[in-house]
PDB file of N, CA and C in Angstrom:
ATOM      1  N   MET A   1      -4.142  19.759  -4.821  1.00  0.00           N
ATOM      2  CA  MET A   1      -3.422  18.786  -4.016  1.00  0.00           C
ATOM      3  C   MET A   1      -3.586  19.150  -2.550  1.00  0.00           C
ATOM      4  N   CYS A   2      -3.812  18.158  -1.705  1.00  0.00           N
ATOM      5  CA  CYS A   2      -4.014  18.414  -0.284  1.00  0.00           C
ATOM      6  C   CYS A   2      -2.675  18.426   0.441  1.00  0.00           C
ATOM      7  N   GLU A   3      -2.621  19.146   1.530  1.00  0.00           N
ATOM      8  CA  GLU A   3      -1.426  19.210   2.344  1.00  0.00           C
ATOM      9  C   GLU A   3      -1.427  18.019   3.297  1.00  0.00           C
ATOM     10  N   VAL A   4      -0.306  17.316   3.386  1.00  0.00           N
ATOM     11  CA  VAL A   4      -0.182  16.159   4.261  1.00  0.00           C
ATOM     12  C   VAL A   4       0.901  16.464   5.287  1.00  0.00           C
ATOM     13  N   PRO A   5       0.628  16.239   6.587  1.00  0.00           N
ATOM     14  CA  PRO A   5       1.622  16.558   7.615  1.00  0.00           C
ATOM     15  C   PRO A   5       2.863  15.676   7.499  1.00  0.00           C
ATOM     16  N   VAL A   6       4.029  16.236   7.825  1.00  0.00           N
ATOM     17  CA  VAL A   6       5.278  15.482   7.829  1.00  0.00           C
ATOM     18  C   VAL A   6       5.509  14.963   9.236  1.00  0.00           C
ATOM     19  N   PRO A   7       5.727  13.636   9.398  1.00  0.00           N
ATOM     20  CA  PRO A   7       5.931  13.081  10.738  1.00  0.00           C
ATOM     21  C   PRO A   7       7.272  13.514  11.323  1.00  0.00           C
ATOM     22  N   ALA A   8       7.402  13.386  12.646  1.00  0.00           N
ATOM     23  CA  ALA A   8       8.650  13.712  13.326  1.00  0.00           C
ATOM     24  C   ALA A   8       9.775  12.884  12.724  1.00  0.00           C
ATOM     25  N   GLY A   9      10.924  13.458  12.573  1.00  0.00           N
ATOM     26  CA  GLY A   9      12.050  12.745  11.983  1.00  0.00           C
ATOM     27  C   GLY A   9      12.195  13.025  10.502  1.00  0.00           C
ATOM     28  N   GLY A  10      11.226  13.717   9.902  1.00  0.00           N
ATOM     29  CA  GLY A  10      11.315  14.099   8.501  1.00  0.00           C
ATOM     30  C   GLY A  10      11.356  12.944   7.529  1.00  0.00           C
ATOM     31  N   ALA A  11      10.664  11.861   7.826  1.00  0.00           N
ATOM     32  CA  ALA A  11      10.693  10.671   6.963  1.00  0.00           C
ATOM     33  C   ALA A  11       9.821  10.829   5.733  1.00  0.00           C
ATOM     34  N   GLY A  12       9.334  12.012   5.463  1.00  0.00           N
ATOM     35  CA  GLY A  12       8.471  12.217   4.309  1.00  0.00           C
ATOM     36  C   GLY A  12       7.040  12.398   4.759  1.00  0.00           C
ATOM     37  N   PRO A  13       6.162  12.750   3.832  1.00  0.00           N
ATOM     38  CA  PRO A  13       4.773  12.993   4.207  1.00  0.00           C
ATOM     39  C   PRO A  13       4.091  11.718   4.694  1.00  0.00           C
ATOM     40  N   ALA A  14       3.296  11.858   5.726  1.00  0.00           N
ATOM     41  CA  ALA A  14       2.515  10.728   6.225  1.00  0.00           C
ATOM     42  C   ALA A  14       1.240  10.622   5.391  1.00  0.00           C
ATOM     43  N   PRO A  15       0.858   9.410   4.993  1.00  0.00           N
ATOM     44  CA  PRO A  15      -0.383   9.288   4.233  1.00  0.00           C
ATOM     45  C   PRO A  15      -1.582   9.666   5.093  1.00  0.00           C
ATOM     46  N   ALA A  16      -2.622  10.200   4.448  1.00  0.00           N
ATOM     47  CA  ALA A  16      -3.832  10.580   5.167  1.00  0.00           C
ATOM     48  C   ALA A  16      -4.420   9.359   5.864  1.00  0.00           C
ATOM     49  N   ASP A  17      -4.431   8.219   5.193  1.00  0.00           N
ATOM     50  CA  ASP A  17      -4.846   6.953   5.785  1.00  0.00           C
ATOM     51  C   ASP A  17      -3.565   6.243   6.186  1.00  0.00           C
ATOM     52  N   ARG A  18      -3.343   6.068   7.491  1.00  0.00           N
ATOM     53  CA  ARG A  18      -2.090   5.475   7.962  1.00  0.00           C
ATOM     54  C   ARG A  18      -1.873   4.078   7.417  1.00  0.00           C
ATOM     55  N   SER A  19      -2.912   3.438   6.904  1.00  0.00           N
ATOM     56  CA  SER A  19      -2.770   2.088   6.387  1.00  0.00           C
ATOM     57  C   SER A  19      -2.737   2.068   4.862  1.00  0.00           C
ATOM     58  N   ALA A  20      -2.496   3.223   4.246  1.00  0.00           N
ATOM     59  CA  ALA A  20      -2.515   3.309   2.782  1.00  0.00           C
ATOM     60  C   ALA A  20      -1.529   2.334   2.161  1.00  0.00           C
ATOM     61  N   ARG A  21      -1.876   1.837   0.997  1.00  0.00           N
ATOM     62  CA  ARG A  21      -1.029   0.893   0.273  1.00  0.00           C
ATOM     63  C   ARG A  21      -0.346   1.590  -0.886  1.00  0.00           C
ATOM     64  N   ALA A  22       0.725   0.987  -1.355  1.00  0.00           N
ATOM     65  CA  ALA A  22       1.448   1.530  -2.508  1.00  0.00           C
ATOM     66  C   ALA A  22       0.746   1.117  -3.794  1.00  0.00           C
ATOM     67  N   VAL A  23       0.859   1.961  -4.788  1.00  0.00           N
ATOM     68  CA  VAL A  23       0.364   1.642  -6.127  1.00  0.00           C
ATOM     69  C   VAL A  23       1.571   1.644  -7.041  1.00  0.00           C
ATOM     70  N   ILE A  24       1.794   0.549  -7.726  1.00  0.00           N
ATOM     71  CA  ILE A  24       2.930   0.417  -8.625  1.00  0.00           C
ATOM     72  C   ILE A  24       2.393   0.305 -10.040  1.00  0.00           C
ATOM     73  N   VAL A  25       2.840   1.180 -10.912  1.00  0.00           N
ATOM     74  CA  VAL A  25       2.386   1.202 -12.305  1.00  0.00           C
ATOM     75  C   VAL A  25       3.408   0.462 -13.147  1.00  0.00           C
ATOM     76  N   VAL A  26       2.944  -0.501 -13.935  1.00  0.00           N
ATOM     77  CA  VAL A  26       3.829  -1.283 -14.793  1.00  0.00           C
ATOM     78  C   VAL A  26       3.273  -1.338 -16.206  1.00  0.00           C
ATOM     79  N   ASP A  27       4.148  -1.532 -17.167  1.00  0.00           N
ATOM     80  CA  ASP A  27       3.734  -1.796 -18.543  1.00  0.00           C
ATOM     81  C   ASP A  27       3.684  -3.308 -18.702  1.00  0.00           C
ATOM     82  N   VAL A  28       2.540  -3.834 -19.113  1.00  0.00           N
ATOM     83  CA  VAL A  28       2.351  -5.277 -19.227  1.00  0.00           C
ATOM     84  C   VAL A  28       2.365  -5.661 -20.695  1.00  0.00           C
ATOM     85  N   GLY A  29       3.207  -6.627 -21.031  1.00  0.00           N
ATOM     86  CA  GLY A  29       3.306  -7.088 -22.414  1.00  0.00           C
ATOM     87  C   GLY A  29       2.352  -8.218 -22.727  1.00  0.00           C
ATOM     88  N   GLN A  30       2.055  -9.068 -21.754  1.00  0.00           N
ATOM     89  CA  GLN A  30       1.171 -10.208 -21.989  1.00  0.00           C
ATOM     90  C   GLN A  30       0.559 -10.655 -20.668  1.00  0.00           C
ATOM     91  N   VAL A  31      -0.696 -11.042 -20.705  1.00  0.00           N
ATOM     92  CA  VAL A  31      -1.390 -11.563 -19.537  1.00  0.00           C
ATOM     93  C   VAL A  31      -2.032 -12.880 -19.926  1.00  0.00           C
ATOM     94  N   CYS A  32      -1.868 -13.888 -19.093  1.00  0.00           N
ATOM     95  CA  CYS A  32      -2.491 -15.190 -19.344  1.00  0.00           C
ATOM     96  C   CYS A  32      -3.349 -15.545 -18.139  1.00  0.00           C
ATOM     97  N   ASP A  33      -4.532 -16.055 -18.393  1.00  0.00           N
ATOM     98  CA  ASP A  33      -5.376 -16.538 -17.308  1.00  0.00           C
ATOM     99  C   ASP A  33      -6.260 -17.658 -17.825  1.00  0.00           C
ATOM    100  N   SER A  34      -7.073 -18.191 -16.938  1.00  0.00           N
ATOM    101  CA  SER A  34      -7.962 -19.287 -17.331  1.00  0.00           C
ATOM    102  C   SER A  34      -9.217 -18.724 -17.994  1.00  0.00           C
ATOM    103  N   CYS A  35     -10.066 -19.628 -18.451  1.00  0.00           N
ATOM    104  CA  CYS A  35     -11.264 -19.215 -19.173  1.00  0.00           C
ATOM    105  C   CYS A  35     -12.281 -18.517 -18.280  1.00  0.00           C
ATOM    106  N   GLY A  36     -12.279 -18.800 -16.975  1.00  0.00           N
ATOM    107  CA  GLY A  36     -13.176 -18.132 -16.047  1.00  0.00           C
ATOM    108  C   GLY A  36     -14.564 -18.736 -15.959  1.00  0.00           C
ATOM    109  N   PHE A  37     -14.779 -19.923 -16.551  1.00  0.00           N
ATOM    110  CA  PHE A  37     -16.111 -20.531 -16.514  1.00  0.00           C
ATOM    111  C   PHE A  37     -16.554 -20.864 -15.090  1.00  0.00           C
ATOM    112  N   ARG A  38     -15.628 -21.129 -14.169  1.00  0.00           N
ATOM    113  CA  ARG A  38     -15.999 -21.502 -12.804  1.00  0.00           C
ATOM    114  C   ARG A  38     -15.853 -20.337 -11.817  1.00  0.00           C
ATOM    115  N   VAL A  39     -15.628 -19.137 -12.299  1.00  0.00           N
ATOM    116  CA  VAL A  39     -15.487 -17.975 -11.421  1.00  0.00           C
ATOM    117  C   VAL A  39     -16.881 -17.424 -11.127  1.00  0.00           C
ATOM    118  N   PRO A  40     -17.236 -17.286  -9.838  1.00  0.00           N
ATOM    119  CA  PRO A  40     -18.575 -16.785  -9.512  1.00  0.00           C
ATOM    120  C   PRO A  40     -18.726 -15.309  -9.861  1.00  0.00           C
ATOM    121  N   LEU A  41     -19.938 -14.889 -10.097  1.00  0.00           N
ATOM    122  CA  LEU A  41     -20.234 -13.480 -10.307  1.00  0.00           C
ATOM    123  C   LEU A  41     -20.182 -12.784  -8.951  1.00  0.00           C
ATOM    124  N   LEU A  42     -19.488 -11.676  -8.892  1.00  0.00           N
ATOM    125  CA  LEU A  42     -19.340 -10.947  -7.635  1.00  0.00           C
ATOM    126  C   LEU A  42     -19.855  -9.534  -7.803  1.00  0.00           C
ATOM    127  N   GLU A  43     -20.314  -8.976  -6.712  1.00  0.00           N
ATOM    128  CA  GLU A  43     -20.804  -7.605  -6.718  1.00  0.00           C
ATOM    129  C   GLU A  43     -20.120  -6.840  -5.591  1.00  0.00           C
ATOM    130  N   HIS A  44     -19.586  -5.660  -5.907  1.00  0.00           N
ATOM    131  CA  HIS A  44     -18.958  -4.837  -4.879  1.00  0.00           C
ATOM    132  C   HIS A  44     -20.048  -4.224  -4.010  1.00  0.00           C
ATOM    133  N   VAL A  45     -20.020  -4.548  -2.727  1.00  0.00           N
ATOM    134  CA  VAL A  45     -21.010  -4.036  -1.792  1.00  0.00           C
ATOM    135  C   VAL A  45     -20.456  -2.847  -1.024  1.00  0.00           C
ATOM    136  N   ASP A  46     -19.226  -2.995  -0.521  1.00  0.00           N
ATOM    137  CA  ASP A  46     -18.604  -1.926   0.254  1.00  0.00           C
ATOM    138  C   ASP A  46     -17.131  -2.267   0.436  1.00  0.00           C
ATOM    139  N   ASP A  47     -16.335  -1.276   0.820  1.00  0.00           N
ATOM    140  CA  ASP A  47     -14.935  -1.516   1.135  1.00  0.00           C
ATOM    141  C   ASP A  47     -14.837  -2.071   2.547  1.00  0.00           C
ATOM    142  N   ARG A  48     -13.871  -2.945   2.768  1.00  0.00           N
ATOM    143  CA  ARG A  48     -13.621  -3.459   4.113  1.00  0.00           C
ATOM    144  C   ARG A  48     -12.809  -2.439   4.891  1.00  0.00           C
ATOM    145  N   ASP A  49     -13.011  -2.401   6.195  1.00  0.00           N
ATOM    146  CA  ASP A  49     -12.277  -1.450   7.020  1.00  0.00           C
ATOM    147  C   ASP A  49     -11.293  -2.134   7.963  1.00  0.00           C
ATOM    148  N   LEU A  50     -10.998  -3.405   7.723  1.00  0.00           N
ATOM    149  CA  LEU A  50     -10.114  -4.139   8.625  1.00  0.00           C
ATOM    150  C   LEU A  50      -8.705  -3.560   8.653  1.00  0.00           C
ATOM    151  N   ARG A  51      -8.167  -3.145   7.496  1.00  0.00           N
ATOM    152  CA  ARG A  51      -6.823  -2.583   7.447  1.00  0.00           C
ATOM    153  C   ARG A  51      -6.767  -1.277   8.238  1.00  0.00           C
ATOM    154  N   THR A  52      -7.800  -0.453   8.112  1.00  0.00           N
ATOM    155  CA  THR A  52      -7.854   0.808   8.846  1.00  0.00           C
ATOM    156  C   THR A  52      -7.969   0.544  10.345  1.00  0.00           C
ATOM    157  N   GLN A  53      -8.780  -0.427  10.733  1.00  0.00           N
ATOM    158  CA  GLN A  53      -8.904  -0.781  12.148  1.00  0.00           C
ATOM    159  C   GLN A  53      -7.569  -1.284  12.693  1.00  0.00           C
ATOM    160  N   TRP A  54      -6.890  -2.162  11.923  1.00  0.00           N
ATOM    161  CA  TRP A  54      -5.612  -2.726  12.351  1.00  0.00           C
ATOM    162  C   TRP A  54      -4.572  -1.621  12.543  1.00  0.00           C
ATOM    163  N   SER A  55      -4.453  -0.731  11.562  1.00  0.00           N
ATOM    164  CA  SER A  55      -3.444   0.325  11.663  1.00  0.00           C
ATOM    165  C   SER A  55      -3.790   1.323  12.769  1.00  0.00           C
ATOM    166  N   GLY A  56      -5.068   1.470  13.087  1.00  0.00           N
ATOM    167  CA  GLY A  56      -5.486   2.361  14.161  1.00  0.00           C
ATOM    168  C   GLY A  56      -5.054   1.886  15.529  1.00  0.00           C
ATOM    169  N   ARG A  57      -4.755   0.594  15.649  1.00  0.00           N
ATOM    170  CA  ARG A  57      -4.285   0.044  16.922  1.00  0.00           C
ATOM    171  C   ARG A  57      -2.766   0.147  17.065  1.00  0.00           C
ATOM    172  N   LYS A  58      -2.086   0.626  16.025  1.00  0.00           N
ATOM    173  CA  LYS A  58      -0.628   0.757  16.052  1.00  0.00           C
ATOM    174  C   LYS A  58      -0.248   2.218  16.323  1.00  0.00           C
ATOM    175  N   THR A  59       0.861   2.412  17.010  1.00  0.00           N
ATOM    176  CA  THR A  59       1.367   3.769  17.239  1.00  0.00           C
ATOM    177  C   THR A  59       2.157   4.217  16.010  1.00  0.00           C
ATOM    178  N   HIS A  60       2.526   5.502  15.991  1.00  0.00           N
ATOM    179  CA  HIS A  60       3.327   6.026  14.885  1.00  0.00           C
ATOM    180  C   HIS A  60       4.708   5.382  14.844  1.00  0.00           C
ATOM    181  N   GLU A  61       5.184   4.851  15.952  1.00  0.00           N
ATOM    182  CA  GLU A  61       6.473   4.159  15.979  1.00  0.00           C
ATOM    183  C   GLU A  61       6.321   2.706  15.542  1.00  0.00           C
ATOM    184  N   GLU A  62       5.200   2.072  15.869  1.00  0.00           N
ATOM    185  CA  GLU A  62       4.999   0.659  15.550  1.00  0.00           C
ATOM    186  C   GLU A  62       4.795   0.403  14.062  1.00  0.00           C
ATOM    187  N   LEU A  63       4.114   1.305  13.357  1.00  0.00           N
ATOM    188  CA  LEU A  63       3.855   1.091  11.928  1.00  0.00           C
ATOM    189  C   LEU A  63       5.138   1.018  11.109  1.00  0.00           C
ATOM    190  N   PRO A  64       6.066   1.983  11.225  1.00  0.00           N
ATOM    191  CA  PRO A  64       7.310   1.856  10.451  1.00  0.00           C
ATOM    192  C   PRO A  64       8.127   0.626  10.848  1.00  0.00           C
ATOM    193  N   ALA A  65       8.128   0.273  12.132  1.00  0.00           N
ATOM    194  CA  ALA A  65       8.860  -0.913  12.579  1.00  0.00           C
ATOM    195  C   ALA A  65       8.252  -2.175  11.966  1.00  0.00           C
ATOM    196  N   TYR A  66       6.935  -2.247  11.922  1.00  0.00           N
ATOM    197  CA  TYR A  66       6.255  -3.398  11.316  1.00  0.00           C
ATOM    198  C   TYR A  66       6.611  -3.499   9.835  1.00  0.00           C
ATOM    199  N   ARG A  67       6.525  -2.360   9.133  1.00  0.00           N
ATOM    200  CA  ARG A  67       6.828  -2.372   7.699  1.00  0.00           C
ATOM    201  C   ARG A  67       8.279  -2.769   7.439  1.00  0.00           C
ATOM    202  N   ALA A  68       9.205  -2.291   8.287  1.00  0.00           N
ATOM    203  CA  ALA A  68      10.621  -2.606   8.095  1.00  0.00           C
ATOM    204  C   ALA A  68      10.910  -4.089   8.302  1.00  0.00           C
ATOM    205  N   THR A  69      10.210  -4.724   9.227  1.00  0.00           N
ATOM    206  CA  THR A  69      10.475  -6.134   9.508  1.00  0.00           C
ATOM    207  C   THR A  69       9.603  -7.084   8.704  1.00  0.00           C
ATOM    208  N   ARG A  70       8.388  -6.685   8.367  1.00  0.00           N
ATOM    209  CA  ARG A  70       7.461  -7.582   7.687  1.00  0.00           C
ATOM    210  C   ARG A  70       7.284  -7.295   6.203  1.00  0.00           C
ATOM    211  N   ASN A  71       7.602  -6.061   5.772  1.00  0.00           N
ATOM    212  CA  ASN A  71       7.365  -5.682   4.384  1.00  0.00           C
ATOM    213  C   ASN A  71       8.647  -5.270   3.669  1.00  0.00           C
ATOM    214  N   ALA A  72       9.789  -5.793   4.104  1.00  0.00           N
ATOM    215  CA  ALA A  72      11.064  -5.428   3.486  1.00  0.00           C
ATOM    216  C   ALA A  72      11.224  -6.047   2.103  1.00  0.00           C
ATOM    217  N   ALA A  73      10.495  -7.120   1.843  1.00  0.00           N
ATOM    218  CA  ALA A  73      10.568  -7.781   0.537  1.00  0.00           C
ATOM    219  C   ALA A  73       9.199  -8.339   0.193  1.00  0.00           C
ATOM    220  N   SER A  74       8.973  -8.524  -1.098  1.00  0.00           N
ATOM    221  CA  SER A  74       7.708  -9.112  -1.537  1.00  0.00           C
ATOM    222  C   SER A  74       7.728 -10.616  -1.270  1.00  0.00           C
ATOM    223  N   ILE A  75       6.606 -11.292  -1.466  1.00  0.00           N
ATOM    224  CA  ILE A  75       6.549 -12.722  -1.196  1.00  0.00           C
ATOM    225  C   ILE A  75       7.453 -13.516  -2.124  1.00  0.00           C
ATOM    226  N   ASP A  76       7.846 -12.930  -3.265  1.00  0.00           N
ATOM    227  CA  ASP A  76       8.776 -13.614  -4.156  1.00  0.00           C
ATOM    228  C   ASP A  76      10.207 -13.112  -3.990  1.00  0.00           C
ATOM    229  N   GLY A  77      10.478 -12.361  -2.915  1.00  0.00           N
ATOM    230  CA  GLY A  77      11.833 -11.968  -2.573  1.00  0.00           C
ATOM    231  C   GLY A  77      12.333 -10.672  -3.182  1.00  0.00           C
ATOM    232  N   LEU A  78      11.497  -9.954  -3.921  1.00  0.00           N
ATOM    233  CA  LEU A  78      11.921  -8.683  -4.499  1.00  0.00           C
ATOM    234  C   LEU A  78      11.945  -7.606  -3.427  1.00  0.00           C
ATOM    235  N   PRO A  79      12.888  -6.658  -3.517  1.00  0.00           N
ATOM    236  CA  PRO A  79      12.945  -5.607  -2.492  1.00  0.00           C
ATOM    237  C   PRO A  79      11.690  -4.741  -2.521  1.00  0.00           C
ATOM    238  N   ALA A  80      11.286  -4.316  -1.348  1.00  0.00           N
ATOM    239  CA  ALA A  80      10.075  -3.491  -1.219  1.00  0.00           C
ATOM    240  C   ALA A  80      10.381  -2.041  -1.527  1.00  0.00           C
ATOM    241  N   LEU A  81       9.326  -1.234  -1.562  1.00  0.00           N
ATOM    242  CA  LEU A  81       9.489   0.198  -1.737  1.00  0.00           C
ATOM    243  C   LEU A  81      10.171   0.786  -0.509  1.00  0.00           C
ATOM    244  N   ASP A  82      11.000   1.794  -0.716  1.00  0.00           N
ATOM    245  CA  ASP A  82      11.676   2.465   0.379  1.00  0.00           C
ATOM    246  C   ASP A  82      10.636   3.254   1.177  1.00  0.00           C
ATOM    247  N   GLN A  83      10.452   2.924   2.440  1.00  0.00           N
ATOM    248  CA  GLN A  83       9.446   3.565   3.284  1.00  0.00           C
ATOM    249  C   GLN A  83       9.787   5.018   3.584  1.00  0.00           C
ATOM    250  N   ARG A  84      11.049   5.429   3.383  1.00  0.00           N
ATOM    251  CA  ARG A  84      11.440   6.807   3.678  1.00  0.00           C
ATOM    252  C   ARG A  84      11.042   7.757   2.565  1.00  0.00           C
ATOM    253  N   VAL A  85      10.658   7.226   1.423  1.00  0.00           N
ATOM    254  CA  VAL A  85      10.300   8.055   0.280  1.00  0.00           C
ATOM    255  C   VAL A  85       8.823   8.355   0.327  1.00  0.00           C
ATOM    256  N   GLY A  86       8.454   9.620   0.165  1.00  0.00           N
ATOM    257  CA  GLY A  86       7.059  10.028   0.178  1.00  0.00           C
ATOM    258  C   GLY A  86       6.382   9.711  -1.142  1.00  0.00           C
ATOM    259  N   PRO A  87       5.077   9.919  -1.218  1.00  0.00           N
ATOM    260  CA  PRO A  87       4.346   9.635  -2.451  1.00  0.00           C
ATOM    261  C   PRO A  87       4.795  10.549  -3.594  1.00  0.00           C
ATOM    262  N   ARG A  88       4.781  10.015  -4.797  1.00  0.00           N
ATOM    263  CA  ARG A  88       5.150  10.787  -5.979  1.00  0.00           C
ATOM    264  C   ARG A  88       3.891  11.219  -6.702  1.00  0.00           C
ATOM    265  N   GLU A  89       4.020  12.297  -7.426  1.00  0.00           N
ATOM    266  CA  GLU A  89       2.900  12.746  -8.242  1.00  0.00           C
ATOM    267  C   GLU A  89       2.883  11.938  -9.522  1.00  0.00           C
ATOM    268  N   GLU A  90       1.701  11.622  -9.999  1.00  0.00           N
ATOM    269  CA  GLU A  90       1.573  10.859 -11.233  1.00  0.00           C
ATOM    270  C   GLU A  90       1.998  11.730 -12.403  1.00  0.00           C
ATOM    271  N   THR A  91       2.767  11.137 -13.321  1.00  0.00           N
ATOM    272  CA  THR A  91       3.184  11.863 -14.518  1.00  0.00           C
ATOM    273  C   THR A  91       2.386  11.349 -15.697  1.00  0.00           C
ATOM    274  N   ALA A  92       2.058  12.237 -16.607  1.00  0.00           N
ATOM    275  CA  ALA A  92       1.255  11.854 -17.761  1.00  0.00           C
ATOM    276  C   ALA A  92       2.120  11.426 -18.916  1.00  0.00           C
TER     277      ALA A  92
END
């Protein structure tokens, strides 16, 4: 496991990539989708760096403020992850 610096204020470990996203693990009972006949074939060429560029233009104070005002709830109104909590280790 790598060591991650703790930001001023002790808000928990800062992610190595300041624009890192959360991963939420769920148990899924059923999935429904369409047949996919009109879905084009896609090939992964490379990862986009727009999120990293965007977060690089923000200060350490601006990122938490943005998340608190813009990411407090999901698009369907569910509460977001608590930004003060650091990453958890995966359990088997």
